[in-house]
Amino acid sequence: MAKKKISPLMIIPPVIFAGFVALAAVGMFREDPEQLPSALVGQQAPAVQLTAFPGREGFDDAALRDGEIKLVNFWASWCAPCRVEHPNLEALSAEGITILGVNYKDKPENGKKFLTDLGDPYAAIGSDAQGRMALNWGVYGVPETYVIDGEGTILMRFAGPVTQRVIETRLRPVLEEATAKAE
């Protein structure tokens, strides 16, 4: 009886399947599978490229490197999750945490009305009408919040609304660790 030869084409499907299994396993065992990765964590924040937000003080690169820990929050008036997180941002601001706002692809008059109606937690705000700054920062969509240390290094990125759970489990530990290092 003659032995059957195994064709190289017969090996390809099992190898491809094994590759998919390996990718799925890596995805399942990430630290936080719901959090999008960011290549910028641990690096200097990209350049601030904003235009003026009507009636408000803006910010620039120097504000990110002023020696103080801060949040940079990308938001828009048309963003429903931004409305959900807004009371939490106001609470963080009331605690003394500096929050810099980036109004993303929004009409200035709509952004102003949003802040008039819901309150204004931002120490400074700029407009990113074309989304160029957001693109450079790796923003997938609003809201997104970055924790920046006093030297302008990105310590954390959170995509999605900042809820009480996010504050307690994600933001506060990073803020406390950064504060302890700065002292």
N, C-alpha and C. Protein backbone atom coordinates (compact mmCIF):
# COMPACT_ATOMS: atom_id res chain seq x y z
N MET A 1 0.83 -1.16 0.00
CA MET A 1 0.00 0.00 0.00
C MET A 1 0.88 1.24 0.00
N ALA A 2 0.56 2.19 -0.83
CA ALA A 2 1.36 3.40 -0.97
C ALA A 2 0.96 4.42 0.08
N LYS A 3 1.98 5.11 0.57
CA LYS A 3 1.71 6.16 1.57
C LYS A 3 1.17 7.40 0.87
N LYS A 4 0.20 8.05 1.53
CA LYS A 4 -0.35 9.29 0.99
C LYS A 4 0.58 10.43 1.30
N LYS A 5 0.82 11.27 0.33
CA LYS A 5 1.62 12.46 0.55
C LYS A 5 0.71 13.57 1.08
N ILE A 6 1.22 14.32 2.06
CA ILE A 6 0.46 15.46 2.59
C ILE A 6 0.82 16.68 1.77
N SER A 7 -0.19 17.25 1.21
CA SER A 7 0.00 18.45 0.40
C SER A 7 0.22 19.66 1.31
N PRO A 8 1.13 20.58 0.92
CA PRO A 8 1.33 21.80 1.73
C PRO A 8 0.04 22.61 1.86
N LEU A 9 -0.85 22.50 0.92
CA LEU A 9 -2.13 23.23 0.99
C LEU A 9 -3.01 22.72 2.13
N MET A 10 -2.81 21.50 2.54
CA MET A 10 -3.60 20.94 3.64
C MET A 10 -3.15 21.48 4.99
N ILE A 11 -1.95 21.97 5.06
CA ILE A 11 -1.40 22.49 6.32
C ILE A 11 -1.86 23.94 6.57
N ILE A 12 -2.11 24.68 5.52
CA ILE A 12 -2.42 26.11 5.65
C ILE A 12 -3.67 26.39 6.50
N PRO A 13 -4.81 25.71 6.29
CA PRO A 13 -5.98 26.02 7.12
C PRO A 13 -5.75 25.82 8.63
N PRO A 14 -5.13 24.72 9.07
CA PRO A 14 -4.90 24.60 10.51
C PRO A 14 -3.95 25.68 11.07
N VAL A 15 -2.96 26.09 10.28
CA VAL A 15 -2.03 27.13 10.73
C VAL A 15 -2.78 28.47 10.87
N ILE A 16 -3.62 28.79 9.91
CA ILE A 16 -4.41 30.03 9.99
C ILE A 16 -5.34 29.99 11.19
N PHE A 17 -5.99 28.86 11.41
CA PHE A 17 -6.88 28.71 12.56
C PHE A 17 -6.11 28.91 13.87
N ALA A 18 -4.94 28.33 13.97
CA ALA A 18 -4.12 28.48 15.19
C ALA A 18 -3.74 29.95 15.41
N GLY A 19 -3.48 30.67 14.32
CA GLY A 19 -3.18 32.10 14.43
C GLY A 19 -4.35 32.89 14.99
N PHE A 20 -5.55 32.59 14.52
CA PHE A 20 -6.75 33.27 15.03
C PHE A 20 -6.96 32.96 16.51
N VAL A 21 -6.75 31.72 16.89
CA VAL A 21 -6.88 31.32 18.30
C VAL A 21 -5.89 32.10 19.16
N ALA A 22 -4.66 32.22 18.70
CA ALA A 22 -3.63 32.97 19.45
C ALA A 22 -4.03 34.44 19.59
N LEU A 23 -4.51 35.07 18.53
CA LEU A 23 -4.94 36.47 18.61
C LEU A 23 -6.11 36.64 19.57
N ALA A 24 -7.06 35.72 19.54
CA ALA A 24 -8.20 35.79 20.45
C ALA A 24 -7.74 35.65 21.90
N ALA A 25 -6.81 34.76 22.15
CA ALA A 25 -6.31 34.56 23.52
C ALA A 25 -5.62 35.81 24.03
N VAL A 26 -4.81 36.45 23.19
CA VAL A 26 -4.14 37.68 23.59
C VAL A 26 -5.18 38.76 23.92
N GLY A 27 -6.20 38.89 23.10
CA GLY A 27 -7.24 39.88 23.33
C GLY A 27 -8.02 39.63 24.61
N MET A 28 -8.25 38.35 24.94
CA MET A 28 -9.02 38.02 26.14
C MET A 28 -8.26 38.31 27.41
N PHE A 29 -6.96 38.27 27.37
CA PHE A 29 -6.19 38.40 28.59
C PHE A 29 -5.51 39.75 28.74
N ARG A 30 -5.97 40.75 28.00
CA ARG A 30 -5.47 42.11 28.21
C ARG A 30 -5.92 42.58 29.58
N GLU A 31 -5.20 43.54 30.13
CA GLU A 31 -5.51 44.06 31.46
C GLU A 31 -6.95 44.57 31.54
N ASP A 32 -7.37 45.35 30.58
CA ASP A 32 -8.73 45.88 30.54
C ASP A 32 -9.23 45.73 29.10
N PRO A 33 -9.96 44.65 28.80
CA PRO A 33 -10.33 44.38 27.43
C PRO A 33 -11.25 45.44 26.82
N GLU A 34 -11.92 46.24 27.63
CA GLU A 34 -12.81 47.27 27.08
C GLU A 34 -12.08 48.57 26.80
N GLN A 35 -10.86 48.71 27.27
CA GLN A 35 -10.11 49.94 27.08
C GLN A 35 -9.24 49.86 25.84
N LEU A 36 -9.34 50.88 25.01
CA LEU A 36 -8.54 50.93 23.79
C LEU A 36 -7.10 51.26 24.16
N PRO A 37 -6.14 50.65 23.49
CA PRO A 37 -4.73 50.93 23.80
C PRO A 37 -4.32 52.31 23.31
N SER A 38 -3.28 52.85 23.88
CA SER A 38 -2.74 54.13 23.43
C SER A 38 -1.23 54.04 23.37
N ALA A 39 -0.69 54.35 22.21
CA ALA A 39 0.76 54.34 22.02
C ALA A 39 1.40 55.54 22.68
N LEU A 40 0.61 56.52 23.11
CA LEU A 40 1.16 57.76 23.64
C LEU A 40 1.41 57.73 25.15
N VAL A 41 0.88 56.74 25.85
CA VAL A 41 1.08 56.68 27.30
C VAL A 41 2.58 56.55 27.57
N GLY A 42 3.09 57.41 28.46
CA GLY A 42 4.50 57.43 28.78
C GLY A 42 5.32 58.37 27.91
N GLN A 43 4.67 58.99 26.94
CA GLN A 43 5.35 59.92 26.04
C GLN A 43 4.84 61.34 26.26
N GLN A 44 5.59 62.30 25.71
CA GLN A 44 5.16 63.70 25.77
C GLN A 44 3.88 63.86 24.96
N ALA A 45 2.98 64.67 25.49
CA ALA A 45 1.73 64.95 24.79
C ALA A 45 2.04 65.63 23.46
N PRO A 46 1.32 65.27 22.40
CA PRO A 46 1.51 65.95 21.12
C PRO A 46 1.18 67.43 21.24
N ALA A 47 1.57 68.18 20.24
CA ALA A 47 1.36 69.63 20.24
C ALA A 47 -0.12 69.99 20.40
N VAL A 48 -0.35 71.07 21.12
CA VAL A 48 -1.69 71.63 21.27
C VAL A 48 -1.94 72.50 20.04
N GLN A 49 -2.97 72.17 19.29
CA GLN A 49 -3.32 72.91 18.08
C GLN A 49 -4.78 73.30 18.16
N LEU A 50 -5.05 74.42 18.82
CA LEU A 50 -6.42 74.84 19.05
C LEU A 50 -6.65 76.27 18.58
N THR A 51 -7.90 76.54 18.29
CA THR A 51 -8.31 77.91 18.04
C THR A 51 -9.09 78.38 19.27
N ALA A 52 -9.33 79.66 19.33
CA ALA A 52 -10.00 80.24 20.50
C ALA A 52 -11.43 79.73 20.63
N PHE A 53 -11.83 79.49 21.86
CA PHE A 53 -13.22 79.17 22.18
C PHE A 53 -13.84 80.48 22.66
N PRO A 54 -14.95 80.91 22.09
CA PRO A 54 -15.52 82.23 22.38
C PRO A 54 -15.68 82.53 23.88
N GLY A 55 -15.08 83.64 24.28
CA GLY A 55 -15.25 84.12 25.64
C GLY A 55 -14.47 83.37 26.70
N ARG A 56 -13.54 82.52 26.30
CA ARG A 56 -12.81 81.71 27.27
C ARG A 56 -11.31 81.79 27.04
N GLU A 57 -10.58 81.60 28.11
CA GLU A 57 -9.13 81.53 28.02
C GLU A 57 -8.75 80.19 27.40
N GLY A 58 -7.82 80.21 26.47
CA GLY A 58 -7.35 78.98 25.85
C GLY A 58 -6.14 78.42 26.57
N PHE A 59 -5.55 77.39 25.99
CA PHE A 59 -4.31 76.84 26.54
C PHE A 59 -3.41 76.40 25.41
N ASP A 60 -2.14 76.22 25.75
CA ASP A 60 -1.13 75.84 24.76
C ASP A 60 -0.22 74.77 25.33
N ASP A 61 0.86 74.47 24.62
CA ASP A 61 1.80 73.45 25.08
C ASP A 61 2.38 73.77 26.46
N ALA A 62 2.66 75.03 26.70
CA ALA A 62 3.24 75.42 27.99
C ALA A 62 2.32 75.06 29.15
N ALA A 63 1.01 75.13 28.94
CA ALA A 63 0.05 74.78 30.00
C ALA A 63 0.15 73.30 30.37
N LEU A 64 0.55 72.46 29.43
CA LEU A 64 0.69 71.04 29.71
C LEU A 64 1.96 70.74 30.50
N ARG A 65 2.89 71.68 30.52
CA ARG A 65 4.19 71.48 31.15
C ARG A 65 4.43 72.50 32.26
N ASP A 66 3.37 72.84 32.98
CA ASP A 66 3.45 73.88 34.00
C ASP A 66 3.76 73.35 35.39
N GLY A 67 4.12 72.07 35.49
CA GLY A 67 4.46 71.48 36.78
C GLY A 67 3.27 70.89 37.52
N GLU A 68 2.06 71.07 37.00
CA GLU A 68 0.84 70.58 37.67
C GLU A 68 0.24 69.40 36.91
N ILE A 69 -0.33 68.47 37.66
CA ILE A 69 -1.04 67.34 37.06
C ILE A 69 -2.40 67.84 36.61
N LYS A 70 -2.85 67.39 35.45
CA LYS A 70 -4.11 67.87 34.91
C LYS A 70 -4.77 66.82 34.04
N LEU A 71 -6.02 67.07 33.70
CA LEU A 71 -6.74 66.26 32.73
C LEU A 71 -6.95 67.08 31.47
N VAL A 72 -6.87 66.43 30.33
CA VAL A 72 -7.27 67.04 29.06
C VAL A 72 -8.46 66.22 28.58
N ASN A 73 -9.60 66.90 28.42
CA ASN A 73 -10.85 66.24 28.08
C ASN A 73 -11.35 66.71 26.72
N PHE A 74 -11.49 65.75 25.78
CA PHE A 74 -12.06 66.03 24.47
C PHE A 74 -13.57 65.81 24.56
N TRP A 75 -14.36 66.80 24.17
CA TRP A 75 -15.81 66.74 24.32
C TRP A 75 -16.50 67.50 23.18
N ALA A 76 -17.81 67.33 23.08
CA ALA A 76 -18.61 68.06 22.10
C ALA A 76 -20.05 68.16 22.60
N SER A 77 -20.74 69.20 22.17
CA SER A 77 -22.12 69.40 22.60
C SER A 77 -23.05 68.35 22.02
N TRP A 78 -22.73 67.79 20.87
CA TRP A 78 -23.57 66.79 20.21
C TRP A 78 -23.35 65.38 20.74
N CYS A 79 -22.45 65.23 21.69
CA CYS A 79 -22.04 63.93 22.22
C CYS A 79 -22.85 63.58 23.47
N ALA A 80 -23.73 62.58 23.37
CA ALA A 80 -24.55 62.17 24.52
C ALA A 80 -23.70 61.67 25.69
N PRO A 81 -22.67 60.83 25.48
CA PRO A 81 -21.84 60.41 26.61
C PRO A 81 -21.12 61.58 27.30
N CYS A 82 -20.87 62.67 26.55
CA CYS A 82 -20.24 63.85 27.16
C CYS A 82 -21.18 64.46 28.21
N ARG A 83 -22.47 64.41 27.94
CA ARG A 83 -23.45 64.90 28.91
C ARG A 83 -23.47 64.01 30.15
N VAL A 84 -23.30 62.71 29.95
CA VAL A 84 -23.29 61.75 31.06
C VAL A 84 -22.10 62.02 31.98
N GLU A 85 -20.93 62.27 31.41
CA GLU A 85 -19.73 62.45 32.22
C GLU A 85 -19.63 63.84 32.84
N HIS A 86 -20.36 64.81 32.31
CA HIS A 86 -20.17 66.21 32.69
C HIS A 86 -20.28 66.48 34.20
N PRO A 87 -21.29 65.95 34.90
CA PRO A 87 -21.34 66.17 36.36
C PRO A 87 -20.11 65.63 37.09
N ASN A 88 -19.54 64.54 36.57
CA ASN A 88 -18.34 63.98 37.20
C ASN A 88 -17.13 64.87 36.97
N LEU A 89 -17.05 65.47 35.79
CA LEU A 89 -15.96 66.42 35.54
C LEU A 89 -16.11 67.65 36.44
N GLU A 90 -17.35 68.09 36.64
CA GLU A 90 -17.57 69.23 37.54
C GLU A 90 -17.14 68.89 38.96
N ALA A 91 -17.42 67.66 39.40
CA ALA A 91 -17.01 67.24 40.74
C ALA A 91 -15.49 67.20 40.86
N LEU A 92 -14.82 66.68 39.84
CA LEU A 92 -13.35 66.65 39.87
C LEU A 92 -12.77 68.06 39.89
N SER A 93 -13.37 68.95 39.12
CA SER A 93 -12.93 70.34 39.10
C SER A 93 -13.12 70.99 40.48
N ALA A 94 -14.25 70.70 41.12
CA ALA A 94 -14.53 71.25 42.45
C ALA A 94 -13.53 70.74 43.48
N GLU A 95 -12.95 69.55 43.24
CA GLU A 95 -11.91 69.01 44.12
C GLU A 95 -10.58 69.71 43.93
N GLY A 96 -10.48 70.51 42.87
CA GLY A 96 -9.23 71.21 42.60
C GLY A 96 -8.39 70.60 41.49
N ILE A 97 -8.95 69.62 40.80
CA ILE A 97 -8.23 69.02 39.68
C ILE A 97 -8.41 69.91 38.44
N THR A 98 -7.32 70.30 37.84
CA THR A 98 -7.37 71.14 36.65
C THR A 98 -7.80 70.30 35.46
N ILE A 99 -8.81 70.78 34.75
CA ILE A 99 -9.29 70.11 33.55
C ILE A 99 -9.24 71.11 32.40
N LEU A 100 -8.53 70.72 31.35
CA LEU A 100 -8.45 71.53 30.14
C LEU A 100 -9.37 70.90 29.11
N GLY A 101 -10.23 71.70 28.51
CA GLY A 101 -11.22 71.18 27.57
C GLY A 101 -10.85 71.40 26.13
N VAL A 102 -11.11 70.39 25.31
CA VAL A 102 -10.93 70.51 23.86
C VAL A 102 -12.30 70.26 23.24
N ASN A 103 -12.90 71.32 22.71
CA ASN A 103 -14.21 71.22 22.07
C ASN A 103 -13.99 70.68 20.65
N TYR A 104 -14.43 69.44 20.43
CA TYR A 104 -14.10 68.67 19.24
C TYR A 104 -15.19 68.75 18.16
N LYS A 105 -14.79 69.22 16.97
CA LYS A 105 -15.68 69.26 15.81
C LYS A 105 -17.08 69.76 16.15
N ASP A 106 -17.12 70.90 16.79
CA ASP A 106 -18.38 71.44 17.29
C ASP A 106 -18.54 72.89 16.84
N LYS A 107 -19.76 73.35 16.77
CA LYS A 107 -20.01 74.76 16.50
C LYS A 107 -19.81 75.52 17.81
N PRO A 108 -19.06 76.61 17.79
CA PRO A 108 -18.78 77.35 19.03
C PRO A 108 -20.04 77.72 19.81
N GLU A 109 -21.09 78.15 19.12
CA GLU A 109 -22.31 78.55 19.83
C GLU A 109 -22.97 77.35 20.53
N ASN A 110 -22.86 76.16 19.94
CA ASN A 110 -23.41 74.96 20.58
C ASN A 110 -22.58 74.57 21.81
N GLY A 111 -21.27 74.69 21.69
CA GLY A 111 -20.40 74.40 22.83
C GLY A 111 -20.66 75.35 23.99
N LYS A 112 -20.84 76.64 23.67
CA LYS A 112 -21.13 77.63 24.73
C LYS A 112 -22.45 77.32 25.43
N LYS A 113 -23.47 76.96 24.65
CA LYS A 113 -24.77 76.63 25.23
C LYS A 113 -24.67 75.39 26.13
N PHE A 114 -23.92 74.40 25.69
CA PHE A 114 -23.69 73.18 26.47
C PHE A 114 -23.14 73.55 27.85
N LEU A 115 -22.12 74.41 27.88
CA LEU A 115 -21.50 74.79 29.15
C LEU A 115 -22.41 75.70 29.98
N THR A 116 -23.19 76.54 29.33
CA THR A 116 -24.13 77.39 30.05
C THR A 116 -25.21 76.53 30.71
N ASP A 117 -25.70 75.54 30.00
CA ASP A 117 -26.76 74.68 30.52
C ASP A 117 -26.28 73.71 31.59
N LEU A 118 -25.08 73.14 31.41
CA LEU A 118 -24.62 72.05 32.29
C LEU A 118 -23.54 72.46 33.29
N GLY A 119 -22.96 73.63 33.12
CA GLY A 119 -21.87 74.05 33.99
C GLY A 119 -20.55 73.93 33.25
N ASP A 120 -19.53 74.57 33.80
CA ASP A 120 -18.24 74.65 33.13
C ASP A 120 -17.12 74.19 34.06
N PRO A 121 -16.65 72.95 33.89
CA PRO A 121 -15.58 72.44 34.75
C PRO A 121 -14.18 72.78 34.26
N TYR A 122 -14.07 73.48 33.13
CA TYR A 122 -12.77 73.65 32.48
C TYR A 122 -12.03 74.90 32.94
N ALA A 123 -10.76 74.73 33.25
CA ALA A 123 -9.89 75.86 33.61
C ALA A 123 -9.56 76.67 32.37
N ALA A 124 -9.51 76.01 31.22
CA ALA A 124 -9.26 76.65 29.93
C ALA A 124 -9.83 75.74 28.85
N ILE A 125 -10.20 76.35 27.72
CA ILE A 125 -10.82 75.59 26.62
C ILE A 125 -10.29 76.10 25.29
N GLY A 126 -10.16 75.19 24.35
CA GLY A 126 -9.86 75.56 22.98
C GLY A 126 -10.74 74.76 22.05
N SER A 127 -10.86 75.22 20.81
CA SER A 127 -11.68 74.53 19.81
C SER A 127 -10.78 73.74 18.86
N ASP A 128 -11.20 72.53 18.55
CA ASP A 128 -10.54 71.69 17.56
C ASP A 128 -11.58 71.37 16.48
N ALA A 129 -11.98 72.41 15.76
CA ALA A 129 -13.07 72.30 14.80
C ALA A 129 -12.81 71.30 13.68
N GLN A 130 -11.58 71.18 13.26
CA GLN A 130 -11.24 70.25 12.17
C GLN A 130 -10.81 68.87 12.69
N GLY A 131 -10.59 68.74 13.98
CA GLY A 131 -10.18 67.46 14.56
C GLY A 131 -8.71 67.14 14.39
N ARG A 132 -7.89 68.12 14.06
CA ARG A 132 -6.45 67.86 13.83
C ARG A 132 -5.73 67.48 15.12
N MET A 133 -5.99 68.22 16.18
CA MET A 133 -5.33 67.90 17.45
C MET A 133 -5.77 66.51 17.92
N ALA A 134 -7.06 66.24 17.82
CA ALA A 134 -7.57 64.93 18.24
C ALA A 134 -6.90 63.81 17.46
N LEU A 135 -6.72 64.00 16.19
CA LEU A 135 -6.06 62.99 15.36
C LEU A 135 -4.63 62.74 15.86
N ASN A 136 -3.90 63.81 16.14
CA ASN A 136 -2.52 63.68 16.63
C ASN A 136 -2.46 63.02 18.00
N TRP A 137 -3.49 63.19 18.80
CA TRP A 137 -3.52 62.60 20.14
C TRP A 137 -4.05 61.16 20.11
N GLY A 138 -4.55 60.71 18.96
CA GLY A 138 -5.06 59.34 18.86
C GLY A 138 -6.48 59.19 19.36
N VAL A 139 -7.25 60.27 19.33
CA VAL A 139 -8.63 60.22 19.80
C VAL A 139 -9.47 59.40 18.81
N TYR A 140 -10.20 58.42 19.35
CA TYR A 140 -11.10 57.60 18.54
C TYR A 140 -12.45 58.27 18.39
N GLY A 141 -12.88 58.96 19.43
CA GLY A 141 -14.18 59.64 19.46
C GLY A 141 -14.37 60.25 20.83
N VAL A 142 -15.31 61.15 20.95
CA VAL A 142 -15.51 61.82 22.22
C VAL A 142 -16.57 61.08 23.05
N PRO A 143 -16.47 61.15 24.35
CA PRO A 143 -15.42 61.81 25.12
C PRO A 143 -14.19 60.93 25.29
N GLU A 144 -13.06 61.59 25.41
CA GLU A 144 -11.80 60.94 25.78
C GLU A 144 -11.07 61.87 26.73
N THR A 145 -10.44 61.27 27.73
CA THR A 145 -9.76 62.05 28.76
C THR A 145 -8.35 61.50 28.96
N TYR A 146 -7.41 62.43 29.07
CA TYR A 146 -6.00 62.10 29.27
C TYR A 146 -5.54 62.68 30.60
N VAL A 147 -4.74 61.91 31.34
CA VAL A 147 -4.09 62.42 32.54
C VAL A 147 -2.68 62.81 32.11
N ILE A 148 -2.31 64.06 32.39
CA ILE A 148 -1.01 64.61 32.00
C ILE A 148 -0.25 65.03 33.26
N ASP A 149 1.01 64.62 33.35
CA ASP A 149 1.80 65.05 34.52
C ASP A 149 2.34 66.46 34.30
N GLY A 150 3.05 66.98 35.28
CA GLY A 150 3.54 68.36 35.23
C GLY A 150 4.57 68.64 34.16
N GLU A 151 5.17 67.59 33.60
CA GLU A 151 6.15 67.76 32.52
C GLU A 151 5.53 67.56 31.14
N GLY A 152 4.23 67.30 31.09
CA GLY A 152 3.56 67.12 29.81
C GLY A 152 3.54 65.69 29.30
N THR A 153 3.83 64.74 30.18
CA THR A 153 3.82 63.32 29.80
C THR A 153 2.42 62.76 30.00
N ILE A 154 1.96 61.99 29.02
CA ILE A 154 0.65 61.32 29.14
C ILE A 154 0.80 60.12 30.06
N LEU A 155 0.06 60.13 31.16
CA LEU A 155 0.10 59.04 32.12
C LEU A 155 -0.99 58.01 31.87
N MET A 156 -2.12 58.47 31.30
CA MET A 156 -3.24 57.58 31.08
C MET A 156 -4.16 58.18 30.05
N ARG A 157 -4.83 57.32 29.31
CA ARG A 157 -5.87 57.74 28.37
C ARG A 157 -7.10 56.91 28.68
N PHE A 158 -8.24 57.58 28.77
CA PHE A 158 -9.49 56.86 28.95
C PHE A 158 -10.46 57.25 27.86
N ALA A 159 -10.90 56.28 27.08
CA ALA A 159 -11.89 56.52 26.03
C ALA A 159 -13.26 56.17 26.58
N GLY A 160 -14.17 57.13 26.50
CA GLY A 160 -15.53 56.92 27.00
C GLY A 160 -15.84 57.91 28.10
N PRO A 161 -17.08 57.87 28.60
CA PRO A 161 -17.46 58.82 29.63
C PRO A 161 -16.79 58.53 30.97
N VAL A 162 -16.38 59.57 31.64
CA VAL A 162 -15.79 59.46 32.98
C VAL A 162 -16.95 59.32 33.96
N THR A 163 -17.12 58.10 34.46
CA THR A 163 -18.17 57.80 35.43
C THR A 163 -17.55 57.74 36.82
N GLN A 164 -18.38 57.59 37.84
CA GLN A 164 -17.86 57.45 39.20
C GLN A 164 -16.95 56.22 39.30
N ARG A 165 -17.34 55.15 38.65
CA ARG A 165 -16.52 53.93 38.68
C ARG A 165 -15.15 54.19 38.03
N VAL A 166 -15.15 54.89 36.91
CA VAL A 166 -13.89 55.21 36.23
C VAL A 166 -13.02 56.09 37.11
N ILE A 167 -13.64 57.05 37.78
CA ILE A 167 -12.89 57.93 38.68
C ILE A 167 -12.20 57.11 39.76
N GLU A 168 -12.96 56.22 40.40
CA GLU A 168 -12.42 55.47 41.54
C GLU A 168 -11.44 54.38 41.12
N THR A 169 -11.70 53.71 40.00
CA THR A 169 -10.85 52.56 39.64
C THR A 169 -9.72 52.91 38.69
N ARG A 170 -9.85 53.99 37.92
CA ARG A 170 -8.84 54.30 36.91
C ARG A 170 -8.15 55.64 37.16
N LEU A 171 -8.95 56.73 37.23
CA LEU A 171 -8.35 58.06 37.33
C LEU A 171 -7.68 58.32 38.67
N ARG A 172 -8.41 58.09 39.75
CA ARG A 172 -7.87 58.44 41.07
C ARG A 172 -6.55 57.73 41.37
N PRO A 173 -6.41 56.43 41.10
CA PRO A 173 -5.11 55.80 41.36
C PRO A 173 -3.96 56.44 40.56
N VAL A 174 -4.21 56.80 39.31
CA VAL A 174 -3.16 57.42 38.50
C VAL A 174 -2.85 58.82 39.03
N LEU A 175 -3.89 59.58 39.38
CA LEU A 175 -3.68 60.92 39.93
C LEU A 175 -2.92 60.87 41.26
N GLU A 176 -3.27 59.92 42.12
CA GLU A 176 -2.58 59.80 43.41
C GLU A 176 -1.12 59.40 43.23
N GLU A 177 -0.87 58.47 42.33
CA GLU A 177 0.52 58.06 42.08
C GLU A 177 1.34 59.20 41.50
N ALA A 178 0.75 59.96 40.57
CA ALA A 178 1.46 61.09 39.98
C ALA A 178 1.73 62.18 41.02
N THR A 179 0.76 62.41 41.91
CA THR A 179 0.94 63.40 42.96
C THR A 179 2.06 62.98 43.90
N ALA A 180 2.09 61.69 44.27
CA ALA A 180 3.14 61.20 45.16
C ALA A 180 4.52 61.33 44.51
N LYS A 181 4.63 61.08 43.23
CA LYS A 181 5.92 61.22 42.53
C LYS A 181 6.35 62.68 42.45
N ALA A 182 5.39 63.58 42.32
CA ALA A 182 5.70 65.00 42.16
C ALA A 182 6.16 65.63 43.49
N GLU A 183 5.80 65.01 44.61
CA GLU A 183 6.15 65.61 45.92
C GLU A 183 7.55 65.29 46.34
